[in-house]
Amino acid sequence: MRRSEFNRAVNDEFGGRAGTVVTDLVLSQVGGRTAADAIAAGVDPREVWLAICEELDVPAERRYGVGRLEPRRR
């Protein structure tokens, strides 16, 4: 997962709360850091995304493959 995909996934799932989720929610699965701090420290955005999903009980069907843009049609 790229950082841009992470950002899209968080925004799609949490809408107006996305910024707060990324900067304020402390995630034990990534060393007791916020998502922003974990990514800045080099943690893979996919690992951070899954930690957020686990912490906030995002259903499994909304965890995988999110954040990707649909391929362009030719």
C-alpha atoms as a PDB file:
ATOM      1  CA  MET A   1       0.000   0.000   0.000  1.00  0.00           C
ATOM      2  CA  ARG A   2       1.352   3.382  -0.986  1.00  0.00           C
ATOM      3  CA  ARG A   3       0.987   6.424   1.221  1.00  0.00           C
ATOM      4  CA  SER A   4      -1.547   7.911  -1.214  1.00  0.00           C
ATOM      5  CA  GLU A   5      -3.605   4.698  -1.003  1.00  0.00           C
ATOM      6  CA  PHE A   6      -3.411   4.846   2.794  1.00  0.00           C
ATOM      7  CA  ASN A   7      -4.673   8.437   2.759  1.00  0.00           C
ATOM      8  CA  ARG A   8      -7.545   7.526   0.407  1.00  0.00           C
ATOM      9  CA  ALA A   9      -8.490   4.511   2.530  1.00  0.00           C
ATOM     10  CA  VAL A  10      -8.562   6.540   5.762  1.00  0.00           C
ATOM     11  CA  ASN A  11     -10.527   9.364   4.140  1.00  0.00           C
ATOM     12  CA  ASP A  12     -13.034   6.970   2.561  1.00  0.00           C
ATOM     13  CA  GLU A  13     -13.597   5.067   5.804  1.00  0.00           C
ATOM     14  CA  PHE A  14     -13.597   7.908   8.339  1.00  0.00           C
ATOM     15  CA  GLY A  15     -14.541  11.005   6.352  1.00  0.00           C
ATOM     16  CA  GLY A  16     -14.257  14.161   8.458  1.00  0.00           C
ATOM     17  CA  ARG A  17     -12.669  12.230  11.318  1.00  0.00           C
ATOM     18  CA  ALA A  18      -9.770  10.969   9.178  1.00  0.00           C
ATOM     19  CA  GLY A  19      -7.307  13.621  10.322  1.00  0.00           C
ATOM     20  CA  THR A  20      -8.062  12.943  13.958  1.00  0.00           C
ATOM     21  CA  VAL A  21      -7.732   9.183  13.469  1.00  0.00           C
ATOM     22  CA  VAL A  22      -4.293   9.609  11.894  1.00  0.00           C
ATOM     23  CA  THR A  23      -2.900  12.162  14.340  1.00  0.00           C
ATOM     24  CA  ASP A  24      -4.580  11.365  17.677  1.00  0.00           C
ATOM     25  CA  LEU A  25      -5.343   7.642  17.868  1.00  0.00           C
ATOM     26  CA  VAL A  26      -2.499   5.730  19.554  1.00  0.00           C
ATOM     27  CA  LEU A  27      -2.056   2.268  18.050  1.00  0.00           C
ATOM     28  CA  SER A  28      -0.463  -0.433  20.199  1.00  0.00           C
ATOM     29  CA  GLN A  29       0.182  -2.612  17.136  1.00  0.00           C
ATOM     30  CA  VAL A  30       2.676  -0.105  15.743  1.00  0.00           C
ATOM     31  CA  GLY A  31       4.628   0.564  18.913  1.00  0.00           C
ATOM     32  CA  GLY A  32       2.200   2.783  20.787  1.00  0.00           C
ATOM     33  CA  ARG A  33       2.423   5.511  18.163  1.00  0.00           C
ATOM     34  CA  THR A  34      -0.120   7.428  16.171  1.00  0.00           C
ATOM     35  CA  ALA A  35      -0.545   6.490  12.515  1.00  0.00           C
ATOM     36  CA  ALA A  36       1.243   9.667  11.459  1.00  0.00           C
ATOM     37  CA  ASP A  37       4.186   8.960  13.776  1.00  0.00           C
ATOM     38  CA  ALA A  38       4.395   5.307  12.719  1.00  0.00           C
ATOM     39  CA  ILE A  39       4.493   6.177   9.014  1.00  0.00           C
ATOM     40  CA  ALA A  40       7.068   8.908   9.657  1.00  0.00           C
ATOM     41  CA  ALA A  41       9.173   6.278  11.482  1.00  0.00           C
ATOM     42  CA  GLY A  42       9.073   4.021   8.417  1.00  0.00           C
ATOM     43  CA  VAL A  43       6.284   1.589   9.284  1.00  0.00           C
ATOM     44  CA  ASP A  44       4.591   0.256   6.142  1.00  0.00           C
ATOM     45  CA  PRO A  45       1.325   2.164   5.533  1.00  0.00           C
ATOM     46  CA  ARG A  46      -0.516  -1.164   5.049  1.00  0.00           C
ATOM     47  CA  GLU A  47       0.523  -2.273   8.549  1.00  0.00           C
ATOM     48  CA  VAL A  48      -0.666   1.067   9.940  1.00  0.00           C
ATOM     49  CA  TRP A  49      -3.965   0.823   8.028  1.00  0.00           C
ATOM     50  CA  LEU A  50      -4.614  -2.669   9.385  1.00  0.00           C
ATOM     51  CA  ALA A  51      -3.763  -1.498  12.917  1.00  0.00           C
ATOM     52  CA  ILE A  52      -6.332   1.309  12.576  1.00  0.00           C
ATOM     53  CA  CYS A  53      -8.904  -1.160  11.259  1.00  0.00           C
ATOM     54  CA  GLU A  54      -8.296  -3.513  14.165  1.00  0.00           C
ATOM     55  CA  GLU A  55      -8.460  -0.742  16.759  1.00  0.00           C
ATOM     56  CA  LEU A  56     -11.658   0.782  15.372  1.00  0.00           C
ATOM     57  CA  ASP A  57     -13.393  -2.483  14.389  1.00  0.00           C
ATOM     58  CA  VAL A  58     -13.552  -1.805  10.669  1.00  0.00           C
ATOM     59  CA  PRO A  59     -15.258  -4.847   9.088  1.00  0.00           C
ATOM     60  CA  ALA A  60     -12.936  -7.211   7.211  1.00  0.00           C
ATOM     61  CA  GLU A  61     -14.672  -6.585   3.880  1.00  0.00           C
ATOM     62  CA  ARG A  62     -13.638  -2.910   4.079  1.00  0.00           C
ATOM     63  CA  ARG A  63      -9.999  -3.537   5.053  1.00  0.00           C
ATOM     64  CA  TYR A  64      -8.413  -5.082   1.971  1.00  0.00           C
ATOM     65  CA  GLY A  65      -7.935  -3.519  -1.434  1.00  0.00           C
ATOM     66  CA  VAL A  66      -9.139  -0.098  -0.323  1.00  0.00           C
ATOM     67  CA  GLY A  67      -7.419   3.084  -1.359  1.00  0.00           C
ATOM     68  CA  ARG A  68      -6.631   1.886  -4.855  1.00  0.00           C
ATOM     69  CA  LEU A  69      -7.893   3.800  -7.820  1.00  0.00           C
ATOM     70  CA  GLU A  70      -9.907   1.954 -10.405  1.00  0.00           C
ATOM     71  CA  PRO A  71      -7.784   1.167 -13.471  1.00  0.00           C
ATOM     72  CA  ARG A  72      -8.286   3.430 -16.462  1.00  0.00           C
ATOM     73  CA  ARG A  73     -10.343   1.989 -19.246  1.00  0.00           C
ATOM     74  CA  ARG A  74      -8.943   2.132 -22.723  1.00  0.00           C
END
